[in-house]
């Protein structure tokens, strides 16, 4: 297999891909960005770039203007250092220790069975490539690299409102070439916790099985929530609902991995009367066929399996099993309302994201998004009501604000003019149903003029993630031309 360094050889722009390769060699899970932050600090020191690191690990590098543009307005280039860490079952990869292995696949770069980290590694690499690009022309820059974007926008939330001087911001964390984003959804998390109540499994006459849902596509719970992809927790709940009448005991329910990812896998241990095992196997086989038919367009590799397992000492009490399964069935998931103002924009959604269980508790995690604050609060209250009716103790995060679109933005005008001149076509102007950090940054810096753009990245937050090589070249060229136009006052 070709090495990661060999994979990027000969791909333009070479400086950007070299930076991305360097980033990919350093583990950077959310909340564990110390090593990648140290790498950025060393790079800035080596290049003589002054920078500031705040108490949570956010970095702001202050890049001098190129010749002739000292008095141009300061532009903030913003991205985040962490990545979503997902891998295929059977892939031997430790995200705390191992580098991401890059693979060339035609006009695309992907990873070897894991997430790639192009979200947001490519955007950060583009900003860093400018530092020693002799062809770059720009005014003063502030490169803002935040931490822990993927698991709660922590870095942006804790950023001081006094750290940045610039009032023009280019967020480099979008995933569609030829699109400028001018707004985003706000979001919040809602969780419900059940207290575990167990009953012992009597000796003899039972058969234990591992029930698993796997092979789903998954994806980003904001930008891909409208695709109708299967939710592993929903499918698991449907299977458990069918098995409970056969006398199934239930324990160790687990599923999903991230609050902002549509769950791809879920599992539970079930204990059945031995006499019911054959009927259960037939029922599961029929359900698998039904699921594959329902989701043949979005999740063609859907699997529902029931395999022999060690018999546990206890299972959940029948009342808890029924409440948990009923709650998972009843909780909403997916699009709640489309925008009436912007075509094809999801206004409000909710993601049934995770179930995490241990000996004492079972916690159901969900995430709500909306570009309308009142709608966000409504759907969070709706989910909370469902959890409470099931007997769970409910908690909410504070959430984060949305980013109100501004079609009169001066920065948007510059970006559009440059794009039309370079590409000979109009760009698309969109808002995104996901939590860009722009919403938070705009709240901390009132009047900040912001645009978000990037290259084509598909499958973000899943092992299917890949980035389009020609789109990266176009994205970097556009970034340089926008910076030059801002510096020239065009």
Protein backbone atom coordinates (compact mmCIF):
# COMPACT_ATOMS: atom_id res chain seq x y z
CA UNK A 1 0.00 0.00 0.00
CA UNK A 2 1.25 3.48 -0.89
CA UNK A 3 2.31 5.62 2.09
CA UNK A 4 0.36 8.74 3.01
CA UNK A 5 3.23 10.96 1.88
CA UNK A 6 3.43 9.17 -1.47
CA UNK A 7 -0.35 9.56 -1.80
CA UNK A 8 -0.16 13.37 -1.93
CA UNK A 9 2.94 13.62 -4.13
CA UNK A 10 2.24 15.56 -7.31
CA UNK A 11 -1.13 16.92 -6.14
CA UNK A 12 -1.61 20.67 -6.35
CA UNK A 13 -1.52 22.90 -4.45
CA UNK A 14 1.51 21.18 -2.98
CA UNK A 15 1.81 23.50 0.03
CA UNK A 16 -1.76 22.86 1.15
CA UNK A 17 -1.48 19.08 0.76
CA UNK A 18 1.81 19.06 2.66
CA UNK A 19 0.13 20.88 5.56
CA UNK A 20 -2.80 18.44 5.45
CA UNK A 21 -0.42 15.49 5.48
CA UNK A 22 1.36 16.92 8.54
CA UNK A 23 -1.97 17.46 10.32
CA UNK A 24 -3.08 13.92 9.48
CA UNK A 25 0.01 12.43 11.16
CA UNK A 26 -0.98 13.84 14.55
CA UNK A 27 -3.91 12.36 16.55
CA UNK A 28 -6.50 15.05 17.25
CA UNK A 29 -9.72 13.68 18.76
CA UNK A 30 -12.05 16.27 20.21
CA UNK A 31 -10.94 17.33 23.69
CA UNK A 32 -7.49 15.86 23.03
CA UNK A 33 -5.96 18.53 20.79
CA UNK A 34 -2.79 19.14 22.83
CA UNK A 35 -0.48 17.47 20.29
CA UNK A 36 -1.93 19.17 17.22
CA UNK A 37 -1.90 22.51 19.04
CA UNK A 38 1.77 22.01 19.90
CA UNK A 39 2.43 21.25 16.23
CA UNK A 40 0.80 24.52 15.16
CA UNK A 41 2.77 26.45 17.79
CA UNK A 42 6.03 24.97 16.55
CA UNK A 43 5.12 25.88 12.97
CA UNK A 44 4.36 29.48 13.94
CA UNK A 45 7.61 29.71 15.90
CA UNK A 46 9.62 28.29 13.01
CA UNK A 47 8.12 30.87 10.63
CA UNK A 48 8.44 33.78 13.07
CA UNK A 49 4.68 34.25 13.31
CA UNK A 50 3.40 35.79 16.54
CA UNK A 51 0.47 34.00 18.12
CA UNK A 52 -1.73 33.86 21.21
CA UNK A 53 -3.04 30.73 22.93
CA UNK A 54 -5.95 31.13 25.31
CA UNK A 55 -6.80 29.05 28.39
CA UNK A 56 -8.77 26.40 26.46
CA UNK A 57 -6.20 25.97 23.68
CA UNK A 58 -7.58 28.21 20.93
CA UNK A 59 -4.83 29.75 18.80
CA UNK A 60 -4.77 33.11 17.04
CA UNK A 61 -1.79 33.66 14.74
CA UNK A 62 -1.20 37.23 13.59
CA UNK A 63 0.15 37.18 10.06
CA UNK A 64 1.65 40.36 8.62
CA UNK A 65 0.37 41.72 5.32
CA UNK A 66 2.27 41.02 2.15
CA UNK A 67 4.06 43.92 0.49
CA UNK A 68 1.85 46.91 -0.28
CA UNK A 69 -1.18 45.84 1.79
CA UNK A 70 -0.20 46.86 5.32
CA UNK A 71 -3.18 49.20 5.69
CA UNK A 72 -5.78 46.76 4.35
CA UNK A 73 -8.51 45.53 6.72
CA UNK A 74 -7.67 42.55 8.89
CA UNK A 75 -9.25 39.27 7.73
CA UNK A 76 -9.82 36.41 10.15
CA UNK A 77 -9.34 32.91 8.69
CA UNK A 78 -11.08 30.43 10.95
CA UNK A 79 -11.17 26.66 11.33
CA UNK A 80 -11.03 24.01 14.05
CA UNK A 81 -8.28 21.57 15.01
CA UNK A 82 -10.27 18.51 16.13
CA UNK A 83 -11.85 15.75 14.04
CA UNK A 84 -14.65 13.23 14.42
CA UNK A 85 -13.15 9.79 15.11
CA UNK A 86 -15.17 7.01 13.49
CA UNK A 87 -13.95 3.70 12.07
CA UNK A 88 -15.44 0.67 10.41
CA UNK A 89 -15.97 -2.43 12.53
CA UNK A 90 -12.84 -4.56 12.20
CA UNK A 91 -10.56 -1.61 11.42
CA UNK A 92 -7.54 -1.67 13.74
CA UNK A 93 -6.97 2.00 14.48
CA UNK A 94 -6.34 3.86 17.75
CA UNK A 95 -7.36 7.50 17.27
CA UNK A 96 -5.36 8.48 20.37
CA UNK A 97 -2.12 7.10 18.93
CA UNK A 98 -2.26 6.32 15.23
CA UNK A 99 -1.93 8.71 12.26
CA UNK A 100 -4.66 8.87 9.64
CA UNK A 101 -3.59 6.88 6.59
CA UNK A 102 -4.36 8.75 3.36
CA UNK A 103 -5.53 6.84 0.29
CA UNK A 104 -5.79 8.14 -3.30
CA UNK A 105 -9.00 6.99 -4.99
CA UNK A 106 -9.14 8.57 -8.44
CA UNK A 107 -9.89 12.26 -7.97
CA UNK A 108 -10.54 11.78 -4.25
CA UNK A 109 -8.53 11.40 -1.06
CA UNK A 110 -10.00 9.19 1.66
CA UNK A 111 -8.70 7.34 4.72
CA UNK A 112 -8.14 3.62 5.27
CA UNK A 113 -11.32 2.55 7.10
CA UNK A 114 -11.59 5.66 9.28
CA UNK A 115 -12.79 9.21 9.08
CA UNK A 116 -10.37 11.34 7.06
CA UNK A 117 -10.39 14.56 9.04
CA UNK A 118 -10.76 16.73 5.95
CA UNK A 119 -13.42 18.27 8.17
CA UNK A 120 -11.75 20.61 9.11
CA UNK A 121 -8.16 19.65 8.35
CA UNK A 122 -8.33 20.87 4.75
CA UNK A 123 -9.57 24.31 5.78
CA UNK A 124 -6.87 24.68 8.43
CA UNK A 125 -4.25 23.43 5.97
CA UNK A 126 -5.34 26.08 3.47
CA UNK A 127 -4.87 28.86 6.03
CA UNK A 128 -1.47 27.51 7.04
CA UNK A 129 -0.36 27.10 3.42
CA UNK A 130 -0.65 30.87 2.99
CA UNK A 131 2.14 31.41 5.52
CA UNK A 132 4.89 30.53 3.06
CA UNK A 133 3.11 30.74 -0.29
CA UNK A 134 5.16 33.22 -2.38
CA UNK A 135 2.19 33.84 -4.68
CA UNK A 136 -0.20 34.87 -1.87
CA UNK A 137 -1.15 38.57 -1.65
CA UNK A 138 -3.16 39.71 1.33
CA UNK A 139 -3.60 42.27 4.06
CA UNK A 140 -3.06 41.48 7.74
CA UNK A 141 -4.48 38.09 8.73
CA UNK A 142 -5.58 36.50 11.97
CA UNK A 143 -5.66 32.71 11.75
CA UNK A 144 -8.06 31.47 14.42
CA UNK A 145 -7.88 27.72 15.14
CA UNK A 146 -10.45 26.65 17.72
CA UNK A 147 -10.60 23.43 19.73
CA UNK A 148 -13.36 20.90 20.38
CA UNK A 149 -15.72 22.08 17.66
CA UNK A 150 -17.15 18.64 17.00
CA UNK A 151 -18.39 17.81 20.50
CA UNK A 152 -19.91 21.08 21.59
CA UNK A 153 -18.22 24.07 19.93
CA UNK A 154 -16.26 24.45 23.16
CA UNK A 155 -13.41 26.52 21.79
CA UNK A 156 -15.67 29.06 20.11
CA UNK A 157 -17.93 29.22 23.17
CA UNK A 158 -15.04 30.02 25.47
CA UNK A 159 -13.22 32.40 23.13
CA UNK A 160 -12.72 35.87 24.55
CA UNK A 161 -14.63 38.64 22.83
CA UNK A 162 -11.43 40.71 22.88
CA UNK A 163 -8.97 38.33 21.22
CA UNK A 164 -9.68 39.20 17.57
CA UNK A 165 -9.10 42.57 15.95
CA UNK A 166 -10.48 41.75 12.50
CA UNK A 167 -14.13 42.29 11.60
CA UNK A 168 -14.11 40.29 8.35
CA UNK A 169 -14.14 36.52 8.83
CA UNK A 170 -13.75 33.66 6.37
CA UNK A 171 -14.80 30.39 7.96
CA UNK A 172 -13.11 27.54 6.05
CA UNK A 173 -15.33 24.76 7.38
CA UNK A 174 -17.86 24.17 4.58
CA UNK A 175 -18.06 21.15 2.32
CA UNK A 176 -19.46 22.17 -1.09
CA UNK A 177 -17.32 23.73 -3.80
CA UNK A 178 -19.02 26.71 -5.44
CA UNK A 179 -21.21 27.50 -2.43
CA UNK A 180 -21.01 30.42 -0.03
CA UNK A 181 -22.75 29.89 3.29
CA UNK A 182 -24.23 32.92 5.00
CA UNK A 183 -26.17 31.37 7.87
CA UNK A 184 -26.40 28.29 10.09
CA UNK A 185 -28.64 26.57 12.60
CA UNK A 186 -28.35 26.84 16.33
CA UNK A 187 -28.44 23.67 18.37
CA UNK A 188 -28.72 22.03 21.77
CA UNK A 189 -28.55 18.57 23.29
CA UNK A 190 -31.25 16.80 25.28
CA UNK A 191 -30.49 13.66 27.27
CA UNK A 192 -32.61 11.25 29.25
CA UNK A 193 -31.19 8.96 31.94
CA UNK A 194 -32.88 5.79 33.14
CA UNK A 195 -31.89 4.09 36.40
CA UNK A 196 -31.03 0.44 35.81
CA UNK A 197 -33.26 -2.05 37.58
CA UNK A 198 -32.15 -5.66 37.13
CA UNK A 199 -33.66 -9.06 37.61
CA UNK A 200 -31.58 -12.28 37.81
CA UNK A 201 -31.52 -14.77 34.96
CA UNK A 202 -32.64 -18.13 36.30
CA UNK A 203 -30.51 -21.16 35.55
CA UNK A 204 -31.38 -23.37 32.57
CA UNK A 205 -33.90 -23.09 29.78
CA UNK A 206 -32.49 -19.89 28.30
CA UNK A 207 -30.44 -18.86 25.29
CA UNK A 208 -28.51 -15.57 25.08
CA UNK A 209 -27.83 -13.63 21.88
CA UNK A 210 -26.06 -10.50 20.72
CA UNK A 211 -28.50 -8.49 18.63
CA UNK A 212 -26.72 -6.06 16.30
CA UNK A 213 -27.60 -3.44 13.70
CA UNK A 214 -24.67 -2.62 11.42
CA UNK A 215 -23.68 -1.55 7.92
CA UNK A 216 -25.59 1.72 7.93
CA UNK A 217 -24.36 4.82 6.11
CA UNK A 218 -24.68 7.25 9.01
CA UNK A 219 -23.43 10.77 8.40
CA UNK A 220 -23.65 14.30 9.76
CA UNK A 221 -26.82 14.86 11.77
CA UNK A 222 -27.16 18.38 10.40
CA UNK A 223 -26.15 18.48 6.76
CA UNK A 224 -27.40 14.94 6.04
CA UNK A 225 -30.45 14.66 8.31
CA UNK A 226 -32.78 15.19 5.32
CA UNK A 227 -31.44 12.19 3.37
CA UNK A 228 -33.73 9.66 5.03
CA UNK A 229 -30.85 7.43 6.06
CA UNK A 230 -31.58 4.70 8.58
CA UNK A 231 -30.93 5.29 12.28
CA UNK A 232 -29.38 2.23 13.95
CA UNK A 233 -31.07 2.96 17.29
CA UNK A 234 -34.47 3.15 15.64
CA UNK A 235 -33.92 -0.18 13.88
CA UNK A 236 -32.67 -1.79 17.09
CA UNK A 237 -35.76 -0.52 18.94
CA UNK A 238 -38.00 -2.00 16.27
CA UNK A 239 -36.28 -5.37 16.59
CA UNK A 240 -36.47 -5.32 20.40
CA UNK A 241 -40.14 -4.33 20.24
CA UNK A 242 -40.78 -7.46 18.17
CA UNK A 243 -38.78 -9.71 20.54
CA UNK A 244 -40.19 -8.58 23.90
CA UNK A 245 -43.51 -10.47 23.40
CA UNK A 246 -41.45 -13.68 23.03
CA UNK A 247 -40.27 -13.25 26.63
CA UNK A 248 -36.95 -11.66 25.76
CA UNK A 249 -34.87 -10.25 28.60
CA UNK A 250 -32.80 -7.23 27.67
CA UNK A 251 -29.48 -5.77 28.83
CA UNK A 252 -26.43 -3.79 27.69
CA UNK A 253 -28.16 -1.60 25.10
CA UNK A 254 -25.59 0.53 23.28
CA UNK A 255 -25.60 2.52 20.07
CA UNK A 256 -24.26 5.53 18.22
CA UNK A 257 -21.07 7.32 19.12
CA UNK A 258 -21.44 11.08 18.64
CA UNK A 259 -24.14 13.65 19.34
CA UNK A 260 -23.78 15.06 15.83
CA UNK A 261 -23.69 11.80 13.88
CA UNK A 262 -26.60 9.67 12.67
CA UNK A 263 -25.93 6.35 14.44
CA UNK A 264 -24.55 3.64 12.16
CA UNK A 265 -24.41 0.77 14.64
CA UNK A 266 -26.33 -0.37 17.72
CA UNK A 267 -26.51 -3.54 19.78
CA UNK A 268 -28.05 -5.23 22.81
CA UNK A 269 -27.81 -8.53 24.64
CA UNK A 270 -31.05 -10.51 24.80
CA UNK A 271 -31.98 -13.61 26.78
CA UNK A 272 -34.78 -15.76 25.36
CA UNK A 273 -36.62 -18.85 26.54
CA UNK A 274 -34.88 -21.65 24.67
CA UNK A 275 -38.17 -22.66 23.07
CA UNK A 276 -38.55 -19.18 21.52
CA UNK A 277 -35.06 -18.96 20.01
CA UNK A 278 -35.94 -20.45 16.63
CA UNK A 279 -38.98 -18.20 16.23
CA UNK A 280 -36.86 -15.18 17.21
CA UNK A 281 -34.24 -16.02 14.60
CA UNK A 282 -36.92 -16.21 11.91
CA UNK A 283 -38.41 -12.94 13.08
CA UNK A 284 -35.01 -11.18 12.97
CA UNK A 285 -34.31 -12.54 9.48
CA UNK A 286 -37.66 -11.19 8.28
CA UNK A 287 -36.99 -7.82 9.87
CA UNK A 288 -33.57 -7.62 8.23
CA UNK A 289 -35.21 -8.18 4.85
CA UNK A 290 -37.80 -5.51 5.66
CA UNK A 291 -35.14 -3.00 6.73
CA UNK A 292 -33.08 -3.68 3.61
CA UNK A 293 -36.17 -3.05 1.49
CA UNK A 294 -37.11 0.15 3.32
CA UNK A 295 -33.61 1.61 3.08
CA UNK A 296 -32.34 0.06 -0.14
CA UNK A 297 -31.61 3.49 -1.64
CA UNK A 298 -29.86 5.05 1.34
CA UNK A 299 -28.43 2.09 3.28
CA UNK A 300 -27.92 -0.86 0.92
CA UNK A 301 -25.62 -2.68 3.36
CA UNK A 302 -28.01 -2.75 6.32
CA UNK A 303 -27.51 -5.79 8.57
CA UNK A 304 -29.58 -7.07 11.49
CA UNK A 305 -27.99 -10.11 13.13
CA UNK A 306 -28.66 -12.30 16.16
CA UNK A 307 -25.70 -14.43 17.22
CA UNK A 308 -25.15 -16.66 20.29
CA UNK A 309 -23.59 -14.91 23.29
CA UNK A 310 -22.65 -15.62 26.88
CA UNK A 311 -25.64 -15.61 29.23
CA UNK A 312 -25.55 -12.56 31.52
CA UNK A 313 -26.26 -12.89 35.24
CA UNK A 314 -29.02 -10.29 35.08
CA UNK A 315 -31.28 -8.51 32.61
CA UNK A 316 -33.27 -5.32 32.93
CA UNK A 317 -36.54 -5.53 34.81
CA UNK A 318 -39.44 -6.06 32.42
CA UNK A 319 -40.93 -2.65 33.22
CA UNK A 320 -37.63 -0.89 32.40
CA UNK A 321 -37.17 -2.86 29.18
CA UNK A 322 -40.63 -1.90 27.98
CA UNK A 323 -40.21 1.78 28.92
CA UNK A 324 -36.81 1.99 27.23
CA UNK A 325 -37.92 0.33 24.01
CA UNK A 326 -41.16 2.34 23.89
CA UNK A 327 -39.20 5.56 24.42
CA UNK A 328 -36.75 4.78 21.61
CA UNK A 329 -39.67 3.99 19.33
CA UNK A 330 -41.56 7.16 20.26
CA UNK A 331 -38.75 9.73 20.16
CA UNK A 332 -38.78 11.79 16.94
CA UNK A 333 -35.83 11.61 14.60
CA UNK A 334 -35.15 13.49 11.39
CA UNK A 335 -36.57 16.60 9.74
CA UNK A 336 -39.28 18.36 11.72
CA UNK A 337 -39.80 21.34 9.40
CA UNK A 338 -38.31 22.69 6.18
CA UNK A 339 -37.63 26.43 5.81
CA UNK A 340 -40.39 28.43 4.19
CA UNK A 341 -37.89 31.14 3.18
CA UNK A 342 -34.87 29.33 1.73
CA UNK A 343 -35.44 26.52 -0.75
CA UNK A 344 -34.31 23.04 0.33
CA UNK A 345 -33.09 24.26 3.72
CA UNK A 346 -33.99 22.17 6.76
CA UNK A 347 -35.25 24.58 9.39
CA UNK A 348 -35.70 22.25 12.36
CA UNK A 349 -34.58 18.68 13.10
CA UNK A 350 -33.73 16.28 15.87
CA UNK A 351 -31.23 13.40 15.98
CA UNK A 352 -31.66 10.33 18.18
CA UNK A 353 -27.92 10.00 18.56
CA UNK A 354 -26.67 7.68 21.29
CA UNK A 355 -27.55 5.14 23.94
CA UNK A 356 -24.86 4.52 26.54
CA UNK A 357 -25.46 2.01 29.33
CA UNK A 358 -23.53 0.71 32.32
CA UNK A 359 -24.41 -1.13 35.51
CA UNK A 360 -26.30 1.82 36.97
CA UNK A 361 -27.72 3.97 34.18
CA UNK A 362 -28.91 4.04 30.58
CA UNK A 363 -28.53 7.44 28.94
CA UNK A 364 -30.29 8.36 25.69
CA UNK A 365 -28.59 11.27 23.91
CA UNK A 366 -30.27 13.49 21.33
CA UNK A 367 -29.44 16.69 19.45
CA UNK A 368 -31.82 19.40 18.23
CA UNK A 369 -31.11 22.02 15.55
CA UNK A 370 -33.01 24.95 14.11
CA UNK A 371 -32.34 28.27 12.42
CA UNK A 372 -35.34 29.61 14.37
CA UNK A 373 -34.66 29.87 18.11
CA UNK A 374 -38.27 29.32 19.18
CA UNK A 375 -38.51 26.20 17.01
CA UNK A 376 -35.29 24.86 18.52
CA UNK A 377 -36.72 25.30 22.00
CA UNK A 378 -39.98 23.64 20.96
CA UNK A 379 -38.44 20.48 19.53
CA UNK A 380 -36.13 20.17 22.54
CA UNK A 381 -39.17 20.40 24.81
CA UNK A 382 -40.95 17.79 22.69
CA UNK A 383 -38.05 15.35 22.96
CA UNK A 384 -37.78 16.02 26.70
CA UNK A 385 -41.48 15.29 27.13
CA UNK A 386 -41.07 11.93 25.41
CA UNK A 387 -38.15 11.04 27.64
CA UNK A 388 -40.00 12.05 30.80
CA UNK A 389 -43.07 10.05 29.79
CA UNK A 390 -40.75 7.05 29.51
CA UNK A 391 -39.52 7.62 33.04
CA UNK A 392 -36.14 9.20 32.30
CA UNK A 393 -34.53 12.11 34.11
CA UNK A 394 -34.00 14.85 31.52
CA UNK A 395 -31.15 17.33 31.10
CA UNK A 396 -30.32 19.95 28.44
CA UNK A 397 -27.15 21.68 27.37
CA UNK A 398 -27.22 25.46 27.06
CA UNK A 399 -26.89 25.15 23.31
CA UNK A 400 -25.49 27.64 20.86
CA UNK A 401 -26.99 30.37 18.68
CA UNK A 402 -27.60 30.39 14.96
CA UNK A 403 -26.10 32.77 12.40
CA UNK A 404 -28.60 35.14 10.83
CA UNK A 405 -28.09 35.42 7.04
CA UNK A 406 -27.15 38.85 5.67
CA UNK A 407 -27.68 39.09 1.92
CA UNK A 408 -26.35 42.67 1.99
CA UNK A 409 -22.93 41.61 3.31
CA UNK A 410 -20.00 43.47 1.77
CA UNK A 411 -17.80 40.40 2.16
CA UNK A 412 -20.41 38.32 0.33
CA UNK A 413 -20.34 40.81 -2.57
CA UNK A 414 -16.55 40.49 -2.85
CA UNK A 415 -16.69 36.70 -2.70
CA UNK A 416 -19.39 36.56 -5.38
CA UNK A 417 -17.54 38.95 -7.69
CA UNK A 418 -14.29 36.99 -7.38
CA UNK A 419 -16.03 33.66 -7.93
CA UNK A 420 -17.85 34.86 -11.04
CA UNK A 421 -14.62 36.27 -12.46
CA UNK A 422 -12.74 33.04 -11.80
CA UNK A 423 -15.39 30.46 -12.65
CA UNK A 424 -17.61 32.25 -15.15
CA UNK A 425 -20.75 31.29 -13.25
CA UNK A 426 -22.79 32.37 -10.26
CA UNK A 427 -22.02 30.75 -6.92
CA UNK A 428 -24.78 29.26 -4.80
CA UNK A 429 -25.72 31.19 -1.67
CA UNK A 430 -26.95 28.96 1.13
CA UNK A 431 -27.55 28.59 4.82
CA UNK A 432 -26.59 25.31 6.47
CA UNK A 433 -28.51 23.13 8.87
CA UNK A 434 -25.50 22.56 11.08
CA UNK A 435 -23.63 24.33 13.84
CA UNK A 436 -20.93 26.44 12.29
CA UNK A 437 -18.84 28.37 14.74
CA UNK A 438 -19.89 31.55 12.97
CA UNK A 439 -23.06 31.66 15.07
CA UNK A 440 -21.06 31.87 18.28
CA UNK A 441 -18.35 34.14 16.88
CA UNK A 442 -20.96 36.55 15.57
CA UNK A 443 -22.45 36.75 19.05
CA UNK A 444 -19.07 37.51 20.61
CA UNK A 445 -18.10 40.03 17.93
CA UNK A 446 -21.22 41.99 16.95
CA UNK A 447 -21.00 43.36 13.43
CA UNK A 448 -18.53 40.69 12.27
CA UNK A 449 -19.05 40.18 8.51
CA UNK A 450 -18.75 36.44 7.87
CA UNK A 451 -18.77 34.00 4.97
CA UNK A 452 -18.12 30.26 5.05
CA UNK A 453 -16.82 28.22 2.11
CA UNK A 454 -14.69 25.19 1.33
CA UNK A 455 -14.01 22.35 -1.12
CA UNK A 456 -16.24 19.35 -1.79
CA UNK A 457 -16.14 16.88 1.11
CA UNK A 458 -18.56 13.96 1.24
CA UNK A 459 -19.33 11.48 4.01
CA UNK A 460 -18.07 13.74 6.81
CA UNK A 461 -18.26 12.19 10.30
CA UNK A 462 -18.17 8.67 8.84
CA UNK A 463 -15.46 6.35 7.47
CA UNK A 464 -16.82 7.17 4.01
CA UNK A 465 -15.43 10.72 4.32
CA UNK A 466 -13.46 11.86 1.29
CA UNK A 467 -12.32 15.15 -0.27
CA UNK A 468 -12.33 16.03 -3.97
CA UNK A 469 -8.81 16.86 -5.18
CA UNK A 470 -9.75 19.30 -8.00
CA UNK A 471 -12.17 21.11 -5.64
CA UNK A 472 -9.35 21.66 -3.14
CA UNK A 473 -7.29 23.39 -5.83
CA UNK A 474 -10.26 25.60 -6.78
CA UNK A 475 -10.98 26.37 -3.13
CA UNK A 476 -7.42 27.46 -2.39
CA UNK A 477 -7.22 29.60 -5.52
CA UNK A 478 -10.53 31.25 -4.58
CA UNK A 479 -9.32 31.91 -1.04
CA UNK A 480 -6.21 33.67 -2.31
CA UNK A 481 -8.14 35.78 -4.81
CA UNK A 482 -10.72 36.81 -2.18
CA UNK A 483 -7.95 37.88 0.19
CA UNK A 484 -6.29 39.87 -2.59
CA UNK A 485 -9.59 41.56 -3.52
CA UNK A 486 -10.25 42.52 0.11
CA UNK A 487 -6.74 43.92 0.41
CA UNK A 488 -7.22 45.97 -2.77
CA UNK A 489 -10.58 47.26 -1.57
CA UNK A 490 -12.46 45.81 -4.54
